């Protein structure tokens, strides 16, 4: 218990001072080391280095780089155009376009931040131009973007696999159908929001325009099919899929769309390296802190404290998910997974809960935290994605995101009460 109190007190204390999360986790590790009566600081450094020395984690920089190339090389706008062609005729079509584009883009990036930035920059100005409230548009784009880490390839699931030893391929497949269910739920919510806000926009295309859009977007649409299909059928590992995504994106953007040049390579490398370094530094810090959880017998203590719930798996899942919803409000997905997955998975194993089912729930839960204040990183990314000069307050965005947040939380608990929504499709896919 002393270790848990030390960790939480130092975590929230240093975060309140505005220290970057990677450094916060390292400081937490040092504090726990002192509490445990140890003094070998090299243990912290060694665990940080060993945490990043992982073949599976190599997939993260590959998918980050592929996402940067796709955004700069014109794939994002093609995906949006194709989505508008499919659902643009429906009243409030730009909202449905956002969700359909999210599904396609999720199969390319695996990152909610990348999804919100790429699609937000394109769709939010369009939605505002067509009479949508900007705060509502931002809220909806952000709510849809959190599906990206659920649909494979998923960066949080890569982290989950490396921290628990579960198959990353199977973790990827566990989130595919639940991610589509969440998208369907958001479309239903948008159907009612369109009528409440009295949006009337529709967009139609001539047959010639439709053929041109289809031809132009086909290479972009093939990419998620090739990535997910390749992983599913064992053609390549998730890491190899990331490398394939980079090569495919480069070829298509440079030689088919011709919107990406050699001069752009240095910029996308710099941007992707910065994003990757942030994630990897957090991975290193969280792993260093995690070693002292183990030394302090925290998993054993939690198993003893919640031992009475082992015989009541449903109640155990509800309590854990409420806890994760709270933690998701103050920390990003990656540190939450690295800190709590090694603690929680032994517990759910004793309760005979399918680890892949729980991994999917945990990932979905923490993704919801990406749009909840005070951290809500995806909300901020979506707010900054559109540089049209029109100001909007965070309070307005949070208020307008309530219907979508409510749908996502309701679906989370629906999956807790009906595990077959995850386990049955997972059985089909694997």
Protein backbone atom coordinates (compact mmCIF):
# COMPACT_ATOMS: atom_id res chain seq x y z
CA UNK A 1 0.00 0.00 0.00
CA UNK A 2 2.92 2.35 0.78
CA UNK A 3 4.25 1.90 -2.77
CA UNK A 4 0.84 2.69 -4.32
CA UNK A 5 0.45 5.84 -2.20
CA UNK A 6 4.01 6.92 -3.03
CA UNK A 7 3.42 6.39 -6.74
CA UNK A 8 0.06 8.19 -6.90
CA UNK A 9 1.20 11.09 -4.71
CA UNK A 10 4.38 11.65 -6.74
CA UNK A 11 2.54 11.10 -10.06
CA UNK A 12 -0.18 13.69 -9.47
CA UNK A 13 2.15 16.02 -7.60
CA UNK A 14 4.70 16.25 -10.40
CA UNK A 15 1.98 16.40 -13.08
CA UNK A 16 0.43 19.35 -11.24
CA UNK A 17 3.79 21.13 -11.57
CA UNK A 18 3.60 20.74 -15.35
CA UNK A 19 6.55 18.36 -15.68
CA UNK A 20 6.41 16.23 -18.88
CA UNK A 21 4.95 12.79 -18.24
CA UNK A 22 8.08 10.82 -19.21
CA UNK A 23 10.13 12.67 -16.57
CA UNK A 24 7.29 12.34 -14.06
CA UNK A 25 7.34 8.55 -14.38
CA UNK A 26 11.13 8.43 -13.91
CA UNK A 27 10.82 10.58 -10.76
CA UNK A 28 8.07 8.25 -9.51
CA UNK A 29 10.44 5.32 -10.03
CA UNK A 30 13.16 7.07 -8.01
CA UNK A 31 10.76 7.87 -5.18
CA UNK A 32 9.57 4.25 -5.03
CA UNK A 33 13.18 3.06 -5.09
CA UNK A 34 13.91 5.15 -1.98
CA UNK A 35 10.75 3.93 -0.20
CA UNK A 36 11.80 0.32 -0.85
CA UNK A 37 15.20 1.04 0.71
CA UNK A 38 17.19 0.62 -2.50
CA UNK A 39 19.88 2.92 -3.83
CA UNK A 40 21.11 1.48 -7.14
CA UNK A 41 19.98 4.11 -9.62
CA UNK A 42 21.43 2.03 -12.47
CA UNK A 43 18.43 -0.31 -12.12
CA UNK A 44 16.21 2.53 -13.35
CA UNK A 45 18.49 3.27 -16.32
CA UNK A 46 18.86 -0.41 -17.26
CA UNK A 47 15.09 -0.97 -17.24
CA UNK A 48 14.52 2.13 -19.34
CA UNK A 49 16.95 0.89 -21.99
CA UNK A 50 15.63 -2.69 -21.97
CA UNK A 51 12.04 -1.40 -22.31
CA UNK A 52 12.83 0.22 -25.64
CA UNK A 53 14.86 -2.73 -26.92
CA UNK A 54 11.78 -4.46 -28.35
CA UNK A 55 11.15 -5.75 -31.86
CA UNK A 56 7.38 -5.33 -31.43
CA UNK A 57 7.74 -1.66 -30.49
CA UNK A 58 9.53 -1.00 -33.79
CA UNK A 59 6.05 -1.02 -35.35
CA UNK A 60 5.29 2.32 -33.65
CA UNK A 61 7.84 4.49 -35.55
CA UNK A 62 6.90 2.76 -38.81
CA UNK A 63 3.19 3.53 -38.44
CA UNK A 64 3.96 7.05 -37.21
CA UNK A 65 6.09 7.67 -40.31
CA UNK A 66 3.47 6.13 -42.63
CA UNK A 67 0.82 8.40 -41.12
CA UNK A 68 2.95 11.51 -41.70
CA UNK A 69 3.61 10.52 -45.32
CA UNK A 70 -0.08 9.85 -45.96
CA UNK A 71 -1.14 13.16 -44.46
CA UNK A 72 1.39 15.18 -46.43
CA UNK A 73 1.06 13.10 -49.61
CA UNK A 74 -2.68 13.55 -50.14
CA UNK A 75 -4.12 10.22 -48.98
CA UNK A 76 -6.22 11.89 -46.26
CA UNK A 77 -8.13 14.13 -48.68
CA UNK A 78 -8.79 11.15 -51.00
CA UNK A 79 -10.27 9.18 -48.12
CA UNK A 80 -12.53 12.12 -47.24
CA UNK A 81 -13.63 12.54 -50.86
CA UNK A 82 -14.49 8.86 -51.14
CA UNK A 83 -16.45 9.01 -47.88
CA UNK A 84 -18.39 12.05 -49.11
CA UNK A 85 -19.23 10.13 -52.29
CA UNK A 86 -20.72 7.26 -50.23
CA UNK A 87 -22.70 9.17 -47.57
CA UNK A 88 -22.74 12.80 -48.74
CA UNK A 89 -26.32 12.56 -50.03
CA UNK A 90 -27.66 11.89 -46.51
CA UNK A 91 -28.83 14.86 -44.43
CA UNK A 92 -25.91 15.89 -42.22
CA UNK A 93 -23.66 14.01 -44.62
CA UNK A 94 -20.40 15.58 -43.49
CA UNK A 95 -20.81 13.98 -40.06
CA UNK A 96 -21.30 10.53 -41.57
CA UNK A 97 -18.36 11.30 -43.87
CA UNK A 98 -16.21 11.94 -40.80
CA UNK A 99 -17.03 8.52 -39.31
CA UNK A 100 -16.58 6.64 -42.58
CA UNK A 101 -13.26 8.42 -43.16
CA UNK A 102 -12.25 7.54 -39.60
CA UNK A 103 -12.85 3.84 -40.27
CA UNK A 104 -10.60 3.92 -43.34
CA UNK A 105 -7.94 6.16 -41.78
CA UNK A 106 -7.88 4.01 -38.62
CA UNK A 107 -6.64 1.12 -40.75
CA UNK A 108 -3.68 3.27 -41.75
CA UNK A 109 -2.45 5.20 -38.70
CA UNK A 110 -3.43 3.39 -35.48
CA UNK A 111 -3.33 6.72 -33.65
CA UNK A 112 -6.22 8.86 -32.39
CA UNK A 113 -4.05 11.98 -32.45
CA UNK A 114 -3.07 11.41 -36.10
CA UNK A 115 -6.72 10.75 -37.02
CA UNK A 116 -7.96 13.90 -35.28
CA UNK A 117 -5.22 16.07 -36.79
CA UNK A 118 -5.50 14.78 -40.36
CA UNK A 119 -9.27 14.56 -40.67
CA UNK A 120 -9.94 17.59 -38.45
CA UNK A 121 -7.83 19.83 -40.68
CA UNK A 122 -9.93 18.82 -43.69
CA UNK A 123 -13.42 18.31 -42.29
CA UNK A 124 -13.84 20.93 -39.56
CA UNK A 125 -13.50 23.92 -41.96
CA UNK A 126 -15.90 22.16 -44.37
CA UNK A 127 -18.43 21.55 -41.61
CA UNK A 128 -18.25 25.15 -40.41
CA UNK A 129 -18.62 26.40 -43.99
CA UNK A 130 -21.78 24.30 -44.35
CA UNK A 131 -23.40 25.81 -41.26
CA UNK A 132 -22.33 23.41 -38.51
CA UNK A 133 -21.43 24.72 -35.06
CA UNK A 134 -17.65 24.64 -34.81
CA UNK A 135 -17.69 23.28 -31.26
CA UNK A 136 -20.04 20.46 -32.31
CA UNK A 137 -17.85 19.66 -35.32
CA UNK A 138 -14.71 19.50 -33.18
CA UNK A 139 -16.46 17.34 -30.59
CA UNK A 140 -17.67 14.86 -33.22
CA UNK A 141 -14.31 14.61 -35.01
CA UNK A 142 -12.60 13.99 -31.65
CA UNK A 143 -15.17 11.38 -30.60
CA UNK A 144 -14.70 9.54 -33.88
CA UNK A 145 -10.90 9.76 -33.72
CA UNK A 146 -10.69 7.58 -30.60
CA UNK A 147 -11.79 4.62 -32.75
CA UNK A 148 -8.38 4.72 -34.49
CA UNK A 149 -6.56 2.92 -31.63
CA UNK A 150 -9.26 0.21 -31.62
CA UNK A 151 -9.24 -0.76 -35.30
CA UNK A 152 -5.99 -2.46 -36.38
CA UNK A 153 -3.22 -1.48 -36.64
CA UNK A 154 -3.39 0.02 -33.13
CA UNK A 155 -0.41 1.63 -31.40
CA UNK A 156 -1.86 1.13 -27.86
CA UNK A 157 -2.40 -2.57 -28.66
CA UNK A 158 1.27 -2.86 -29.64
CA UNK A 159 2.17 -1.42 -26.24
CA UNK A 160 -0.37 -3.75 -24.59
CA UNK A 161 1.17 -6.78 -26.26
CA UNK A 162 4.72 -5.91 -25.24
CA UNK A 163 3.72 -5.26 -21.61
CA UNK A 164 1.58 -8.41 -21.17
CA UNK A 165 3.11 -10.95 -23.55
CA UNK A 166 -0.15 -11.41 -25.47
CA UNK A 167 -0.19 -11.90 -29.24
CA UNK A 168 -0.24 -8.48 -30.91
CA UNK A 169 -1.95 -9.93 -33.99
CA UNK A 170 -4.78 -11.33 -31.85
CA UNK A 171 -4.99 -8.05 -29.90
CA UNK A 172 -5.36 -6.21 -33.21
CA UNK A 173 -8.21 -8.47 -34.29
CA UNK A 174 -10.00 -8.14 -30.92
CA UNK A 175 -10.70 -4.45 -31.54
CA UNK A 176 -11.89 -4.59 -35.15
CA UNK A 177 -15.60 -5.35 -34.66
CA UNK A 178 -15.97 -3.34 -31.39
CA UNK A 179 -14.43 -0.37 -33.24
CA UNK A 180 -17.03 -0.69 -35.99
CA UNK A 181 -19.79 -0.97 -33.35
CA UNK A 182 -18.61 2.31 -31.79
CA UNK A 183 -18.67 3.96 -35.23
CA UNK A 184 -22.23 2.73 -35.75
CA UNK A 185 -23.20 4.10 -32.32
CA UNK A 186 -21.73 7.50 -33.18
CA UNK A 187 -23.66 7.54 -36.46
CA UNK A 188 -26.90 6.89 -34.55
CA UNK A 189 -26.04 9.72 -32.15
CA UNK A 190 -25.27 12.00 -35.11
CA UNK A 191 -28.65 11.15 -36.69
CA UNK A 192 -30.39 12.75 -33.68
CA UNK A 193 -27.90 15.62 -33.32
CA UNK A 194 -28.49 16.60 -36.96
CA UNK A 195 -32.19 16.99 -36.23
CA UNK A 196 -31.68 18.78 -32.93
CA UNK A 197 -29.21 21.27 -34.46
CA UNK A 198 -31.30 21.47 -37.67
CA UNK A 199 -28.50 20.73 -40.12
CA UNK A 200 -29.68 20.36 -43.72
CA UNK A 201 -26.51 19.91 -45.77
CA UNK A 202 -26.31 17.26 -48.50
CA UNK A 203 -23.89 16.80 -51.37
CA UNK A 204 -24.43 14.93 -54.61
CA UNK A 205 -22.06 13.99 -57.43
CA UNK A 206 -22.49 13.38 -61.14
CA UNK A 207 -21.60 9.97 -62.55
CA UNK A 208 -18.41 11.40 -64.07
CA UNK A 209 -17.38 12.95 -60.75
CA UNK A 210 -18.10 9.69 -58.94
CA UNK A 211 -15.92 7.71 -61.38
CA UNK A 212 -13.08 10.22 -61.01
CA UNK A 213 -13.25 10.06 -57.19
CA UNK A 214 -13.31 6.27 -57.19
CA UNK A 215 -10.31 6.05 -59.50
CA UNK A 216 -8.39 8.65 -57.51
CA UNK A 217 -9.11 7.11 -54.08
CA UNK A 218 -8.61 3.42 -54.96
CA UNK A 219 -4.89 3.22 -54.01
CA UNK A 220 -5.63 4.89 -50.66
CA UNK A 221 -8.50 2.48 -49.95
CA UNK A 222 -6.37 -0.56 -50.76
CA UNK A 223 -3.84 0.29 -48.08
CA UNK A 224 -5.84 -0.63 -44.92
CA UNK A 225 -7.08 -3.79 -46.67
CA UNK A 226 -3.51 -4.85 -47.41
CA UNK A 227 -2.26 -4.01 -43.91
CA UNK A 228 -5.08 -5.65 -41.92
CA UNK A 229 -5.38 -8.57 -44.34
CA UNK A 230 -1.63 -9.14 -44.31
CA UNK A 231 -1.55 -9.25 -40.51
CA UNK A 232 -4.67 -11.42 -40.26
CA UNK A 233 -3.44 -14.06 -42.72
CA UNK A 234 0.10 -14.15 -41.35
CA UNK A 235 1.75 -12.65 -44.42
CA UNK A 236 3.69 -10.30 -42.16
CA UNK A 237 4.02 -9.39 -38.48
CA UNK A 238 2.69 -6.08 -37.13
CA UNK A 239 6.22 -4.64 -37.29
CA UNK A 240 6.64 -5.78 -40.89
CA UNK A 241 3.18 -4.35 -41.63
CA UNK A 242 4.42 -0.97 -40.40
CA UNK A 243 7.43 -1.13 -42.72
CA UNK A 244 5.15 -2.17 -45.60
CA UNK A 245 2.85 0.79 -44.84
CA UNK A 246 5.79 3.22 -45.13
CA UNK A 247 6.96 1.80 -48.47
CA UNK A 248 3.41 1.65 -49.88
CA UNK A 249 2.63 5.22 -48.76
CA UNK A 250 5.88 6.52 -50.28
CA UNK A 251 5.27 4.83 -53.63
CA UNK A 252 1.64 5.95 -53.90
CA UNK A 253 2.22 9.52 -52.73
CA UNK A 254 5.35 10.09 -54.80
CA UNK A 255 4.55 8.27 -58.05
CA UNK A 256 0.72 8.04 -58.25
CA UNK A 257 -0.56 11.19 -56.56
CA UNK A 258 2.76 13.04 -57.05
CA UNK A 259 2.05 15.28 -54.07
CA UNK A 260 5.02 14.08 -52.01
CA UNK A 261 8.56 14.98 -53.06
CA UNK A 262 12.07 14.14 -51.91
CA UNK A 263 12.19 17.55 -50.19
CA UNK A 264 9.30 16.49 -47.92
CA UNK A 265 11.15 13.43 -46.59
CA UNK A 266 13.25 15.33 -44.05
CA UNK A 267 10.18 17.09 -42.66
CA UNK A 268 8.10 13.92 -42.22
CA UNK A 269 11.07 12.11 -40.67
CA UNK A 270 11.56 14.93 -38.17
CA UNK A 271 7.86 15.02 -37.27
CA UNK A 272 7.54 11.24 -36.89
CA UNK A 273 10.78 11.00 -34.88
CA UNK A 274 9.48 13.64 -32.47
CA UNK A 275 6.17 11.79 -31.99
CA UNK A 276 7.89 8.41 -31.65
CA UNK A 277 10.47 9.73 -29.17
CA UNK A 278 7.68 11.06 -26.95
CA UNK A 279 5.94 7.67 -26.87
CA UNK A 280 9.15 5.69 -26.36
CA UNK A 281 10.32 7.95 -23.55
CA UNK A 282 7.00 7.39 -21.77
CA UNK A 283 7.38 3.64 -22.36
CA UNK A 284 10.84 3.77 -20.79
CA UNK A 285 9.69 5.80 -17.79
CA UNK A 286 6.62 3.66 -17.17
CA UNK A 287 8.70 0.47 -17.35
CA UNK A 288 11.16 1.86 -14.81
CA UNK A 289 8.26 2.66 -12.47
CA UNK A 290 6.68 -0.73 -13.14
CA UNK A 291 9.71 -2.66 -11.90
CA UNK A 292 9.19 -1.16 -8.44
CA UNK A 293 5.51 -2.15 -8.54
CA UNK A 294 6.72 -5.71 -8.91
CA UNK A 295 9.41 -5.38 -6.24
CA UNK A 296 6.86 -3.81 -3.92
CA UNK A 297 4.45 -6.75 -4.44
CA UNK A 298 1.72 -4.45 -5.76
CA UNK A 299 0.11 -7.12 -8.03
CA UNK A 300 -0.02 -9.52 -5.08
CA UNK A 301 -1.47 -6.81 -2.82
CA UNK A 302 -4.16 -5.93 -5.35
CA UNK A 303 -5.03 -9.58 -5.82
CA UNK A 304 -5.44 -9.94 -2.06
CA UNK A 305 -7.42 -6.68 -1.74
CA UNK A 306 -9.80 -7.63 -4.55
CA UNK A 307 -9.69 -11.35 -3.84
CA UNK A 308 -13.32 -11.33 -2.77
CA UNK A 309 -14.31 -10.23 -6.27
CA UNK A 310 -12.56 -13.11 -8.03
CA UNK A 311 -15.76 -15.13 -7.72
CA UNK A 312 -17.76 -12.22 -9.20
CA UNK A 313 -16.09 -11.42 -12.54
CA UNK A 314 -18.79 -9.00 -13.69
CA UNK A 315 -18.52 -6.86 -10.56
CA UNK A 316 -14.73 -7.00 -10.82
CA UNK A 317 -14.88 -5.76 -14.43
CA UNK A 318 -17.22 -2.90 -13.52
CA UNK A 319 -14.96 -1.71 -10.68
CA UNK A 320 -11.82 -1.95 -12.81
CA UNK A 321 -13.44 -0.07 -15.69
CA UNK A 322 -14.70 2.73 -13.47
CA UNK A 323 -11.16 3.04 -12.11
CA UNK A 324 -9.70 3.11 -15.65
CA UNK A 325 -12.22 5.76 -16.75
CA UNK A 326 -10.98 7.99 -13.93
CA UNK A 327 -7.31 7.32 -14.74
CA UNK A 328 -8.00 7.97 -18.43
CA UNK A 329 -9.04 11.51 -17.51
CA UNK A 330 -5.57 12.35 -16.20
CA UNK A 331 -3.19 10.18 -18.26
CA UNK A 332 -2.79 9.12 -21.88
CA UNK A 333 -3.38 5.54 -23.10
CA UNK A 334 0.25 4.50 -23.26
CA UNK A 335 1.31 5.22 -19.66
CA UNK A 336 -1.98 3.83 -18.33
CA UNK A 337 -1.41 0.56 -20.19
CA UNK A 338 2.22 0.30 -19.14
CA UNK A 339 1.46 1.03 -15.49
CA UNK A 340 -1.76 -0.89 -14.93
CA UNK A 341 -1.75 -3.77 -17.44
CA UNK A 342 0.95 -5.75 -15.59
CA UNK A 343 -1.02 -5.22 -12.36
CA UNK A 344 -4.52 -5.97 -13.66
CA UNK A 345 -3.92 -8.90 -16.02
CA UNK A 346 -2.87 -11.36 -13.28
CA UNK A 347 -6.03 -10.37 -11.42
CA UNK A 348 -8.38 -10.95 -14.35
CA UNK A 349 -6.54 -14.19 -15.08
CA UNK A 350 -7.45 -15.46 -11.60
CA UNK A 351 -11.07 -14.49 -12.30
CA UNK A 352 -11.06 -16.60 -15.51
CA UNK A 353 -11.70 -13.59 -17.74
CA UNK A 354 -10.45 -13.90 -21.33
CA UNK A 355 -7.29 -11.72 -21.50
CA UNK A 356 -7.98 -10.60 -25.09
CA UNK A 357 -11.52 -9.61 -24.18
CA UNK A 358 -10.22 -7.62 -21.22
CA UNK A 359 -7.46 -6.05 -23.34
CA UNK A 360 -10.07 -4.80 -25.81
CA UNK A 361 -12.19 -3.37 -22.98
CA UNK A 362 -9.18 -1.70 -21.38
CA UNK A 363 -8.05 -0.17 -24.66
CA UNK A 364 -11.55 1.14 -25.46
CA UNK A 365 -11.92 2.52 -21.94
CA UNK A 366 -8.61 4.39 -22.06
CA UNK A 367 -9.39 5.69 -25.57
CA UNK A 368 -12.56 7.29 -24.17
CA UNK A 369 -10.26 9.09 -21.74
CA UNK A 370 -8.64 10.84 -24.71
CA UNK A 371 -11.71 13.09 -25.01
CA UNK A 372 -12.30 13.73 -21.30
CA UNK A 373 -10.91 16.73 -19.42
CA UNK A 374 -8.61 17.77 -17.83
CA UNK A 375 -6.12 16.05 -20.19
CA UNK A 376 -8.33 15.12 -23.19
CA UNK A 377 -5.43 15.32 -25.64
CA UNK A 378 -7.55 14.47 -28.71
CA UNK A 379 -9.95 17.33 -27.92
CA UNK A 380 -7.05 19.78 -27.96
CA UNK A 381 -5.64 18.31 -31.19
CA UNK A 382 -9.03 18.60 -32.91
CA UNK A 383 -9.43 22.17 -31.65
CA UNK A 384 -6.05 23.12 -33.11
CA UNK A 385 -6.52 21.21 -36.36
CA UNK A 386 -8.53 23.98 -38.02
CA UNK A 387 -6.76 27.30 -38.49
CA UNK A 388 -9.73 29.28 -39.79
CA UNK A 389 -9.43 32.05 -37.21
CA UNK A 390 -12.81 31.31 -35.62
CA UNK A 391 -12.36 31.00 -31.85
CA UNK A 392 -14.09 28.32 -29.81
CA UNK A 393 -13.85 27.61 -26.08
CA UNK A 394 -12.95 24.26 -24.54
CA UNK A 395 -16.11 24.48 -22.40
CA UNK A 396 -18.28 24.65 -25.54
CA UNK A 397 -16.49 21.67 -27.09
CA UNK A 398 -16.87 19.62 -23.91
CA UNK A 399 -20.58 20.47 -23.70
CA UNK A 400 -21.17 19.51 -27.32
CA UNK A 401 -19.24 16.25 -26.90
CA UNK A 402 -21.54 14.96 -24.14
CA UNK A 403 -23.90 13.01 -26.48
CA UNK A 404 -20.97 11.25 -28.16
CA UNK A 405 -19.14 10.61 -24.89
CA UNK A 406 -22.36 9.20 -23.45
CA UNK A 407 -22.79 6.81 -26.38
CA UNK A 408 -19.21 5.56 -26.04
CA UNK A 409 -19.48 4.97 -22.29
CA UNK A 410 -22.82 3.20 -22.80
CA UNK A 411 -21.24 0.94 -25.44
CA UNK A 412 -18.32 0.23 -23.12
CA UNK A 413 -20.65 -1.05 -20.40
CA UNK A 414 -22.75 -2.89 -22.98
CA UNK A 415 -19.60 -4.81 -23.94
CA UNK A 416 -18.96 -5.53 -20.26
CA UNK A 417 -22.44 -7.01 -19.84
CA UNK A 418 -22.41 -8.74 -23.26
CA UNK A 419 -18.84 -10.02 -23.75
CA UNK A 420 -19.94 -11.91 -26.88
CA UNK A 421 -19.82 -8.59 -28.75
CA UNK A 422 -16.03 -8.97 -28.52
CA UNK A 423 -15.36 -12.67 -28.04
CA UNK A 424 -17.54 -14.06 -30.84
CA UNK A 425 -16.10 -11.85 -33.65
CA UNK A 426 -12.62 -12.46 -32.24
CA UNK A 427 -13.21 -16.18 -32.61
CA UNK A 428 -14.24 -15.69 -36.24
CA UNK A 429 -11.27 -13.47 -37.04
CA UNK A 430 -8.62 -15.68 -35.43
